Amino acid sequence: MFLKINDEWALSSDEHSWIINKWKPSEDKWVQKAWLSTFQNAVTSLARRRIRLSGATTLAEAIKDAEAIKTELTAALDVNIEVENEE
């Protein structure tokens, strides 16, 4: 699976993990940056990584960036996954 979040970030998966990918224009390819065991951990890790890299210099800017990142992730991953127990 490959889920593009924006032109810079994406989430993908293999049979073992979820992967955070970053677009590397100089190589014209997606580069794997982190491997996580669950989808929720991958989304949380990506959000936290993007907040840390946001370049904010004040708390107000950091909060604004965090809200923008949350909104973008929510829009990009607008899915409702429900697993039912089939017994």
PDB file of N, CA and C in Angstrom:
ATOM      1  N   MET A   1       0.845  -1.169   0.000  1.00  0.00           N
ATOM      2  CA  MET A   1       0.000   0.000   0.000  1.00  0.00           C
ATOM      3  C   MET A   1       0.894   1.238   0.000  1.00  0.00           C
ATOM      4  N   PHE A   2       0.437   2.273  -0.683  1.00  0.00           N
ATOM      5  CA  PHE A   2       1.167   3.538  -0.716  1.00  0.00           C
ATOM      6  C   PHE A   2       0.155   4.666  -0.597  1.00  0.00           C
ATOM      7  N   LEU A   3       0.277   5.474   0.472  1.00  0.00           N
ATOM      8  CA  LEU A   3      -0.647   6.574   0.729  1.00  0.00           C
ATOM      9  C   LEU A   3       0.125   7.889   0.716  1.00  0.00           C
ATOM     10  N   LYS A   4      -0.052   8.653  -0.352  1.00  0.00           N
ATOM     11  CA  LYS A   4       0.636   9.937  -0.461  1.00  0.00           C
ATOM     12  C   LYS A   4      -0.097  10.963   0.398  1.00  0.00           C
ATOM     13  N   ILE A   5       0.632  11.594   1.314  1.00  0.00           N
ATOM     14  CA  ILE A   5       0.064  12.604   2.191  1.00  0.00           C
ATOM     15  C   ILE A   5       0.127  13.970   1.515  1.00  0.00           C
ATOM     16  N   ASN A   6       1.265  14.277   0.960  1.00  0.00           N
ATOM     17  CA  ASN A   6       1.478  15.511   0.197  1.00  0.00           C
ATOM     18  C   ASN A   6       2.665  15.270  -0.729  1.00  0.00           C
ATOM     19  N   ASP A   7       3.201  16.332  -1.332  1.00  0.00           N
ATOM     20  CA  ASP A   7       4.316  16.149  -2.267  1.00  0.00           C
ATOM     21  C   ASP A   7       5.625  15.764  -1.587  1.00  0.00           C
ATOM     22  N   GLU A   8       5.666  15.863  -0.260  1.00  0.00           N
ATOM     23  CA  GLU A   8       6.902  15.569   0.470  1.00  0.00           C
ATOM     24  C   GLU A   8       6.850  14.281   1.284  1.00  0.00           C
ATOM     25  N   TRP A   9       5.669  13.888   1.773  1.00  0.00           N
ATOM     26  CA  TRP A   9       5.554  12.760   2.687  1.00  0.00           C
ATOM     27  C   TRP A   9       4.527  11.740   2.209  1.00  0.00           C
ATOM     28  N   ALA A  10       4.791  10.470   2.544  1.00  0.00           N
ATOM     29  CA  ALA A  10       3.855   9.387   2.232  1.00  0.00           C
ATOM     30  C   ALA A  10       4.017   8.279   3.267  1.00  0.00           C
ATOM     31  N   LEU A  11       2.995   7.463   3.380  1.00  0.00           N
ATOM     32  CA  LEU A  11       3.050   6.255   4.199  1.00  0.00           C
ATOM     33  C   LEU A  11       2.893   5.072   3.270  1.00  0.00           C
ATOM     34  N   SER A  12       3.658   4.041   3.530  1.00  0.00           N
ATOM     35  CA  SER A  12       3.519   2.816   2.744  1.00  0.00           C
ATOM     36  C   SER A  12       3.579   1.637   3.712  1.00  0.00           C
ATOM     37  N   SER A  13       3.365   0.458   3.176  1.00  0.00           N
ATOM     38  CA  SER A  13       3.413  -0.726   4.035  1.00  0.00           C
ATOM     39  C   SER A  13       4.010  -1.889   3.275  1.00  0.00           C
ATOM     40  N   ASP A  14       4.535  -2.821   4.044  1.00  0.00           N
ATOM     41  CA  ASP A  14       4.929  -4.112   3.506  1.00  0.00           C
ATOM     42  C   ASP A  14       4.287  -5.158   4.413  1.00  0.00           C
ATOM     43  N   GLU A  15       4.635  -6.387   4.281  1.00  0.00           N
ATOM     44  CA  GLU A  15       3.968  -7.413   5.080  1.00  0.00           C
ATOM     45  C   GLU A  15       4.312  -7.355   6.566  1.00  0.00           C
ATOM     46  N   HIS A  16       5.342  -6.582   6.919  1.00  0.00           N
ATOM     47  CA  HIS A  16       5.790  -6.535   8.308  1.00  0.00           C
ATOM     48  C   HIS A  16       5.564  -5.200   9.016  1.00  0.00           C
ATOM     49  N   SER A  17       5.491  -4.102   8.266  1.00  0.00           N
ATOM     50  CA  SER A  17       5.469  -2.801   8.933  1.00  0.00           C
ATOM     51  C   SER A  17       4.849  -1.704   8.072  1.00  0.00           C
ATOM     52  N   TRP A  18       4.642  -0.571   8.742  1.00  0.00           N
ATOM     53  CA  TRP A  18       4.251   0.669   8.081  1.00  0.00           C
ATOM     54  C   TRP A  18       5.503   1.512   7.950  1.00  0.00           C
ATOM     55  N   ILE A  19       5.628   2.235   6.842  1.00  0.00           N
ATOM     56  CA  ILE A  19       6.856   2.954   6.536  1.00  0.00           C
ATOM     57  C   ILE A  19       6.555   4.418   6.249  1.00  0.00           C
ATOM     58  N   ILE A  20       7.344   5.308   6.870  1.00  0.00           N
ATOM     59  CA  ILE A  20       7.275   6.740   6.553  1.00  0.00           C
ATOM     60  C   ILE A  20       8.259   6.987   5.423  1.00  0.00           C
ATOM     61  N   ASN A  21       7.776   7.617   4.355  1.00  0.00           N
ATOM     62  CA  ASN A  21       8.592   7.913   3.184  1.00  0.00           C
ATOM     63  C   ASN A  21       8.675   9.414   2.962  1.00  0.00           C
ATOM     64  N   LYS A  22       9.832   9.880   2.514  1.00  0.00           N
ATOM     65  CA  LYS A  22      10.033  11.300   2.196  1.00  0.00           C
ATOM     66  C   LYS A  22      10.521  11.387   0.751  1.00  0.00           C
ATOM     67  N   TRP A  23       9.931  12.308   0.005  1.00  0.00           N
ATOM     68  CA  TRP A  23      10.331  12.495  -1.393  1.00  0.00           C
ATOM     69  C   TRP A  23      11.692  13.169  -1.432  1.00  0.00           C
ATOM     70  N   LYS A  24      12.589  12.605  -2.234  1.00  0.00           N
ATOM     71  CA  LYS A  24      13.932  13.165  -2.394  1.00  0.00           C
ATOM     72  C   LYS A  24      14.070  13.612  -3.846  1.00  0.00           C
ATOM     73  N   PRO A  25      13.843  14.897  -4.112  1.00  0.00           N
ATOM     74  CA  PRO A  25      13.856  15.382  -5.498  1.00  0.00           C
ATOM     75  C   PRO A  25      15.183  15.149  -6.214  1.00  0.00           C
ATOM     76  N   SER A  26      16.294  15.244  -5.495  1.00  0.00           N
ATOM     77  CA  SER A  26      17.603  15.082  -6.135  1.00  0.00           C
ATOM     78  C   SER A  26      17.793  13.684  -6.708  1.00  0.00           C
ATOM     79  N   GLU A  27      17.070  12.699  -6.136  1.00  0.00           N
ATOM     80  CA  GLU A  27      17.150  11.327  -6.635  1.00  0.00           C
ATOM     81  C   GLU A  27      15.880  10.908  -7.370  1.00  0.00           C
ATOM     82  N   ASP A  28      14.896  11.808  -7.384  1.00  0.00           N
ATOM     83  CA  ASP A  28      13.612  11.568  -8.036  1.00  0.00           C
ATOM     84  C   ASP A  28      12.969  10.268  -7.556  1.00  0.00           C
ATOM     85  N   LYS A  29      12.966  10.107  -6.204  1.00  0.00           N
ATOM     86  CA  LYS A  29      12.353   8.904  -5.639  1.00  0.00           C
ATOM     87  C   LYS A  29      11.963   9.122  -4.185  1.00  0.00           C
ATOM     88  N   TRP A  30      11.107   8.235  -3.690  1.00  0.00           N
ATOM     89  CA  TRP A  30      10.723   8.221  -2.284  1.00  0.00           C
ATOM     90  C   TRP A  30      11.777   7.459  -1.494  1.00  0.00           C
ATOM     91  N   VAL A  31      12.180   8.008  -0.357  1.00  0.00           N
ATOM     92  CA  VAL A  31      13.181   7.394   0.505  1.00  0.00           C
ATOM     93  C   VAL A  31      12.509   6.991   1.813  1.00  0.00           C
ATOM     94  N   GLN A  32      12.736   5.763   2.233  1.00  0.00           N
ATOM     95  CA  GLN A  32      12.156   5.275   3.483  1.00  0.00           C
ATOM     96  C   GLN A  32      12.908   5.877   4.666  1.00  0.00           C
ATOM     97  N   LYS A  33      12.133   6.420   5.631  1.00  0.00           N
ATOM     98  CA  LYS A  33      12.735   7.108   6.766  1.00  0.00           C
ATOM     99  C   LYS A  33      12.519   6.398   8.096  1.00  0.00           C
ATOM    100  N   ALA A  34      11.392   5.703   8.253  1.00  0.00           N
ATOM    101  CA  ALA A  34      11.110   5.044   9.527  1.00  0.00           C
ATOM    102  C   ALA A  34      10.147   3.895   9.293  1.00  0.00           C
ATOM    103  N   TRP A  35      10.283   2.856  10.133  1.00  0.00           N
ATOM    104  CA  TRP A  35       9.438   1.665  10.045  1.00  0.00           C
ATOM    105  C   TRP A  35       8.734   1.498  11.382  1.00  0.00           C
ATOM    106  N   LEU A  36       7.405   1.335  11.322  1.00  0.00           N
ATOM    107  CA  LEU A  36       6.617   1.229  12.551  1.00  0.00           C
ATOM    108  C   LEU A  36       5.677   0.042  12.467  1.00  0.00           C
ATOM    109  N   SER A  37       5.295  -0.464  13.620  1.00  0.00           N
ATOM    110  CA  SER A  37       4.526  -1.718  13.636  1.00  0.00           C
ATOM    111  C   SER A  37       3.040  -1.543  13.371  1.00  0.00           C
ATOM    112  N   THR A  38       2.487  -0.355  13.638  1.00  0.00           N
ATOM    113  CA  THR A  38       1.054  -0.162  13.409  1.00  0.00           C
ATOM    114  C   THR A  38       0.822   1.110  12.598  1.00  0.00           C
ATOM    115  N   PHE A  39      -0.341   1.151  11.951  1.00  0.00           N
ATOM    116  CA  PHE A  39      -0.725   2.325  11.182  1.00  0.00           C
ATOM    117  C   PHE A  39      -0.819   3.548  12.088  1.00  0.00           C
ATOM    118  N   GLN A  40      -1.425   3.390  13.248  1.00  0.00           N
ATOM    119  CA  GLN A  40      -1.570   4.511  14.177  1.00  0.00           C
ATOM    120  C   GLN A  40      -0.207   5.043  14.608  1.00  0.00           C
ATOM    121  N   ASN A  41       0.731   4.152  14.890  1.00  0.00           N
ATOM    122  CA  ASN A  41       2.090   4.591  15.259  1.00  0.00           C
ATOM    123  C   ASN A  41       2.752   5.336  14.105  1.00  0.00           C
ATOM    124  N   ALA A  42       2.523   4.879  12.883  1.00  0.00           N
ATOM    125  CA  ALA A  42       3.120   5.537  11.717  1.00  0.00           C
ATOM    126  C   ALA A  42       2.563   6.947  11.544  1.00  0.00           C
ATOM    127  N   VAL A  43       1.258   7.100  11.658  1.00  0.00           N
ATOM    128  CA  VAL A  43       0.638   8.420  11.519  1.00  0.00           C
ATOM    129  C   VAL A  43       1.117   9.351  12.629  1.00  0.00           C
ATOM    130  N   THR A  44       1.142   8.859  13.858  1.00  0.00           N
ATOM    131  CA  THR A  44       1.600   9.667  14.993  1.00  0.00           C
ATOM    132  C   THR A  44       3.060  10.064  14.825  1.00  0.00           C
ATOM    133  N   SER A  45       3.887   9.121  14.424  1.00  0.00           N
ATOM    134  CA  SER A  45       5.309   9.402  14.231  1.00  0.00           C
ATOM    135  C   SER A  45       5.522  10.428  13.124  1.00  0.00           C
ATOM    136  N   LEU A  46       4.773  10.299  12.028  1.00  0.00           N
ATOM    137  CA  LEU A  46       4.891  11.261  10.933  1.00  0.00           C
ATOM    138  C   LEU A  46       4.479  12.657  11.407  1.00  0.00           C
ATOM    139  N   ALA A  47       3.380  12.755  12.131  1.00  0.00           N
ATOM    140  CA  ALA A  47       2.933  14.060  12.634  1.00  0.00           C
ATOM    141  C   ALA A  47       3.991  14.673  13.547  1.00  0.00           C
ATOM    142  N   ARG A  48       4.506  13.895  14.473  1.00  0.00           N
ATOM    143  CA  ARG A  48       5.523  14.409  15.398  1.00  0.00           C
ATOM    144  C   ARG A  48       6.800  14.823  14.670  1.00  0.00           C
ATOM    145  N   ARG A  49       7.201  14.034  13.703  1.00  0.00           N
ATOM    146  CA  ARG A  49       8.402  14.354  12.910  1.00  0.00           C
ATOM    147  C   ARG A  49       8.206  15.677  12.178  1.00  0.00           C
ATOM    148  N   ARG A  50       7.046  15.845  11.559  1.00  0.00           N
ATOM    149  CA  ARG A  50       6.779  17.071  10.809  1.00  0.00           C
ATOM    150  C   ARG A  50       6.705  18.280  11.725  1.00  0.00           C
ATOM    151  N   ILE A  51       6.168  18.118  12.924  1.00  0.00           N
ATOM    152  CA  ILE A  51       6.128  19.234  13.875  1.00  0.00           C
ATOM    153  C   ILE A  51       7.553  19.610  14.282  1.00  0.00           C
ATOM    154  N   ARG A  52       8.390  18.602  14.561  1.00  0.00           N
ATOM    155  CA  ARG A  52       9.787  18.883  14.950  1.00  0.00           C
ATOM    156  C   ARG A  52      10.545  19.584  13.828  1.00  0.00           C
ATOM    157  N   LEU A  53      10.213  19.276  12.578  1.00  0.00           N
ATOM    158  CA  LEU A  53      10.909  19.862  11.429  1.00  0.00           C
ATOM    159  C   LEU A  53      10.232  21.120  10.890  1.00  0.00           C
ATOM    160  N   SER A  54       9.220  21.617  11.582  1.00  0.00           N
ATOM    161  CA  SER A  54       8.407  22.704  11.038  1.00  0.00           C
ATOM    162  C   SER A  54       9.139  24.039  10.918  1.00  0.00           C
ATOM    163  N   GLY A  55      10.160  24.243  11.705  1.00  0.00           N
ATOM    164  CA  GLY A  55      10.870  25.513  11.644  1.00  0.00           C
ATOM    165  C   GLY A  55      10.243  26.595  12.512  1.00  0.00           C
ATOM    166  N   ALA A  56       9.244  26.231  13.310  1.00  0.00           N
ATOM    167  CA  ALA A  56       8.611  27.202  14.203  1.00  0.00           C
ATOM    168  C   ALA A  56       9.630  27.741  15.194  1.00  0.00           C
ATOM    169  N   THR A  57       9.505  29.032  15.494  1.00  0.00           N
ATOM    170  CA  THR A  57      10.434  29.647  16.445  1.00  0.00           C
ATOM    171  C   THR A  57       9.729  30.139  17.705  1.00  0.00           C
ATOM    172  N   THR A  58       8.415  30.036  17.721  1.00  0.00           N
ATOM    173  CA  THR A  58       7.654  30.411  18.917  1.00  0.00           C
ATOM    174  C   THR A  58       6.633  29.321  19.201  1.00  0.00           C
ATOM    175  N   LEU A  59       6.129  29.305  20.417  1.00  0.00           N
ATOM    176  CA  LEU A  59       5.106  28.332  20.772  1.00  0.00           C
ATOM    177  C   LEU A  59       3.853  28.523  19.924  1.00  0.00           C
ATOM    178  N   ALA A  60       3.491  29.750  19.674  1.00  0.00           N
ATOM    179  CA  ALA A  60       2.305  30.033  18.848  1.00  0.00           C
ATOM    180  C   ALA A  60       2.479  29.468  17.440  1.00  0.00           C
ATOM    181  N   GLU A  61       3.665  29.627  16.854  1.00  0.00           N
ATOM    182  CA  GLU A  61       3.933  29.075  15.523  1.00  0.00           C
ATOM    183  C   GLU A  61       3.888  27.551  15.557  1.00  0.00           C
ATOM    184  N   ALA A  62       4.441  26.955  16.603  1.00  0.00           N
ATOM    185  CA  ALA A  62       4.443  25.493  16.718  1.00  0.00           C
ATOM    186  C   ALA A  62       3.017  24.956  16.811  1.00  0.00           C
ATOM    187  N   ILE A  63       2.183  25.620  17.586  1.00  0.00           N
ATOM    188  CA  ILE A  63       0.781  25.196  17.715  1.00  0.00           C
ATOM    189  C   ILE A  63       0.063  25.336  16.378  1.00  0.00           C
ATOM    190  N   LYS A  64       0.290  26.437  15.702  1.00  0.00           N
ATOM    191  CA  LYS A  64      -0.328  26.658  14.385  1.00  0.00           C
ATOM    192  C   LYS A  64       0.126  25.577  13.392  1.00  0.00           C
ATOM    193  N   ASP A  65       1.421  25.283  13.375  1.00  0.00           N
ATOM    194  CA  ASP A  65       1.948  24.247  12.484  1.00  0.00           C
ATOM    195  C   ASP A  65       1.362  22.881  12.837  1.00  0.00           C
ATOM    196  N   ALA A  66       1.262  22.583  14.133  1.00  0.00           N
ATOM    197  CA  ALA A  66       0.706  21.298  14.569  1.00  0.00           C
ATOM    198  C   ALA A  66      -0.739  21.148  14.106  1.00  0.00           C
ATOM    199  N   GLU A  67      -1.520  22.211  14.215  1.00  0.00           N
ATOM    200  CA  GLU A  67      -2.917  22.166  13.764  1.00  0.00           C
ATOM    201  C   GLU A  67      -2.995  21.957  12.250  1.00  0.00           C
ATOM    202  N   ALA A  68      -2.127  22.633  11.504  1.00  0.00           N
ATOM    203  CA  ALA A  68      -2.113  22.479  10.046  1.00  0.00           C
ATOM    204  C   ALA A  68      -1.728  21.053   9.650  1.00  0.00           C
ATOM    205  N   ILE A  69      -0.764  20.487  10.346  1.00  0.00           N
ATOM    206  CA  ILE A  69      -0.328  19.114  10.066  1.00  0.00           C
ATOM    207  C   ILE A  69      -1.449  18.139  10.393  1.00  0.00           C
ATOM    208  N   LYS A  70      -2.106  18.334  11.523  1.00  0.00           N
ATOM    209  CA  LYS A  70      -3.233  17.475  11.904  1.00  0.00           C
ATOM    210  C   LYS A  70      -4.340  17.541  10.866  1.00  0.00           C
ATOM    211  N   THR A  71      -4.669  18.739  10.405  1.00  0.00           N
ATOM    212  CA  THR A  71      -5.713  18.909   9.390  1.00  0.00           C
ATOM    213  C   THR A  71      -5.331  18.201   8.089  1.00  0.00           C
ATOM    214  N   GLU A  72      -4.074  18.365   7.669  1.00  0.00           N
ATOM    215  CA  GLU A  72      -3.624  17.737   6.430  1.00  0.00           C
ATOM    216  C   GLU A  72      -3.666  16.212   6.528  1.00  0.00           C
ATOM    217  N   LEU A  73      -3.174  15.667   7.635  1.00  0.00           N
ATOM    218  CA  LEU A  73      -3.190  14.211   7.808  1.00  0.00           C
ATOM    219  C   LEU A  73      -4.618  13.676   7.860  1.00  0.00           C
ATOM    220  N   THR A  74      -5.482  14.382   8.559  1.00  0.00           N
ATOM    221  CA  THR A  74      -6.873  13.954   8.657  1.00  0.00           C
ATOM    222  C   THR A  74      -7.525  13.918   7.279  1.00  0.00           C
ATOM    223  N   ALA A  75      -7.276  14.947   6.483  1.00  0.00           N
ATOM    224  CA  ALA A  75      -7.854  15.004   5.138  1.00  0.00           C
ATOM    225  C   ALA A  75      -7.274  13.912   4.235  1.00  0.00           C
ATOM    226  N   ALA A  76      -5.966  13.695   4.321  1.00  0.00           N
ATOM    227  CA  ALA A  76      -5.308  12.710   3.457  1.00  0.00           C
ATOM    228  C   ALA A  76      -5.683  11.282   3.819  1.00  0.00           C
ATOM    229  N   LEU A  77      -5.971  11.058   5.083  1.00  0.00           N
ATOM    230  CA  LEU A  77      -6.242   9.702   5.561  1.00  0.00           C
ATOM    231  C   LEU A  77      -7.683   9.560   6.043  1.00  0.00           C
ATOM    232  N   ASP A  78      -8.586  10.243   5.397  1.00  0.00           N
ATOM    233  CA  ASP A  78      -9.996  10.233   5.806  1.00  0.00           C
ATOM    234  C   ASP A  78     -10.611   8.870   5.517  1.00  0.00           C
ATOM    235  N   VAL A  79     -10.357   7.964   6.438  1.00  0.00           N
ATOM    236  CA  VAL A  79     -10.894   6.605   6.316  1.00  0.00           C
ATOM    237  C   VAL A  79     -11.516   6.199   7.635  1.00  0.00           C
ATOM    238  N   ASN A  80     -12.456   5.331   7.550  1.00  0.00           N
ATOM    239  CA  ASN A  80     -13.077   4.796   8.752  1.00  0.00           C
ATOM    240  C   ASN A  80     -12.904   3.290   8.684  1.00  0.00           C
ATOM    241  N   ILE A  81     -11.935   2.779   9.407  1.00  0.00           N
ATOM    242  CA  ILE A  81     -11.631   1.361   9.371  1.00  0.00           C
ATOM    243  C   ILE A  81     -12.295   0.684  10.556  1.00  0.00           C
ATOM    244  N   GLU A  82     -13.094  -0.325  10.262  1.00  0.00           N
ATOM    245  CA  GLU A  82     -13.753  -1.058  11.328  1.00  0.00           C
ATOM    246  C   GLU A  82     -13.491  -2.548  11.100  1.00  0.00           C
ATOM    247  N   VAL A  83     -12.966  -3.177  12.099  1.00  0.00           N
ATOM    248  CA  VAL A  83     -12.690  -4.599  12.008  1.00  0.00           C
ATOM    249  C   VAL A  83     -13.751  -5.324  12.837  1.00  0.00           C
ATOM    250  N   GLU A  84     -14.449  -6.207  12.181  1.00  0.00           N
ATOM    251  CA  GLU A  84     -15.481  -6.955  12.885  1.00  0.00           C
ATOM    252  C   GLU A  84     -14.968  -8.353  13.194  1.00  0.00           C
ATOM    253  N   ASN A  85     -15.371  -8.839  14.317  1.00  0.00           N
ATOM    254  CA  ASN A  85     -15.008 -10.196  14.731  1.00  0.00           C
ATOM    255  C   ASN A  85     -15.976 -11.162  14.079  1.00  0.00           C
ATOM    256  N   GLU A  86     -15.463 -12.013  13.221  1.00  0.00           N
ATOM    257  CA  GLU A  86     -16.309 -12.980  12.537  1.00  0.00           C
ATOM    258  C   GLU A  86     -16.199 -14.332  13.238  1.00  0.00           C
ATOM    259  N   GLU A  87     -17.132 -14.598  14.110  1.00  0.00           N
ATOM    260  CA  GLU A  87     -17.122 -15.878  14.841  1.00  0.00           C
ATOM    261  C   GLU A  87     -18.281 -16.727  14.410  1.00  0.00           C
TER     262      GLU A  87
END
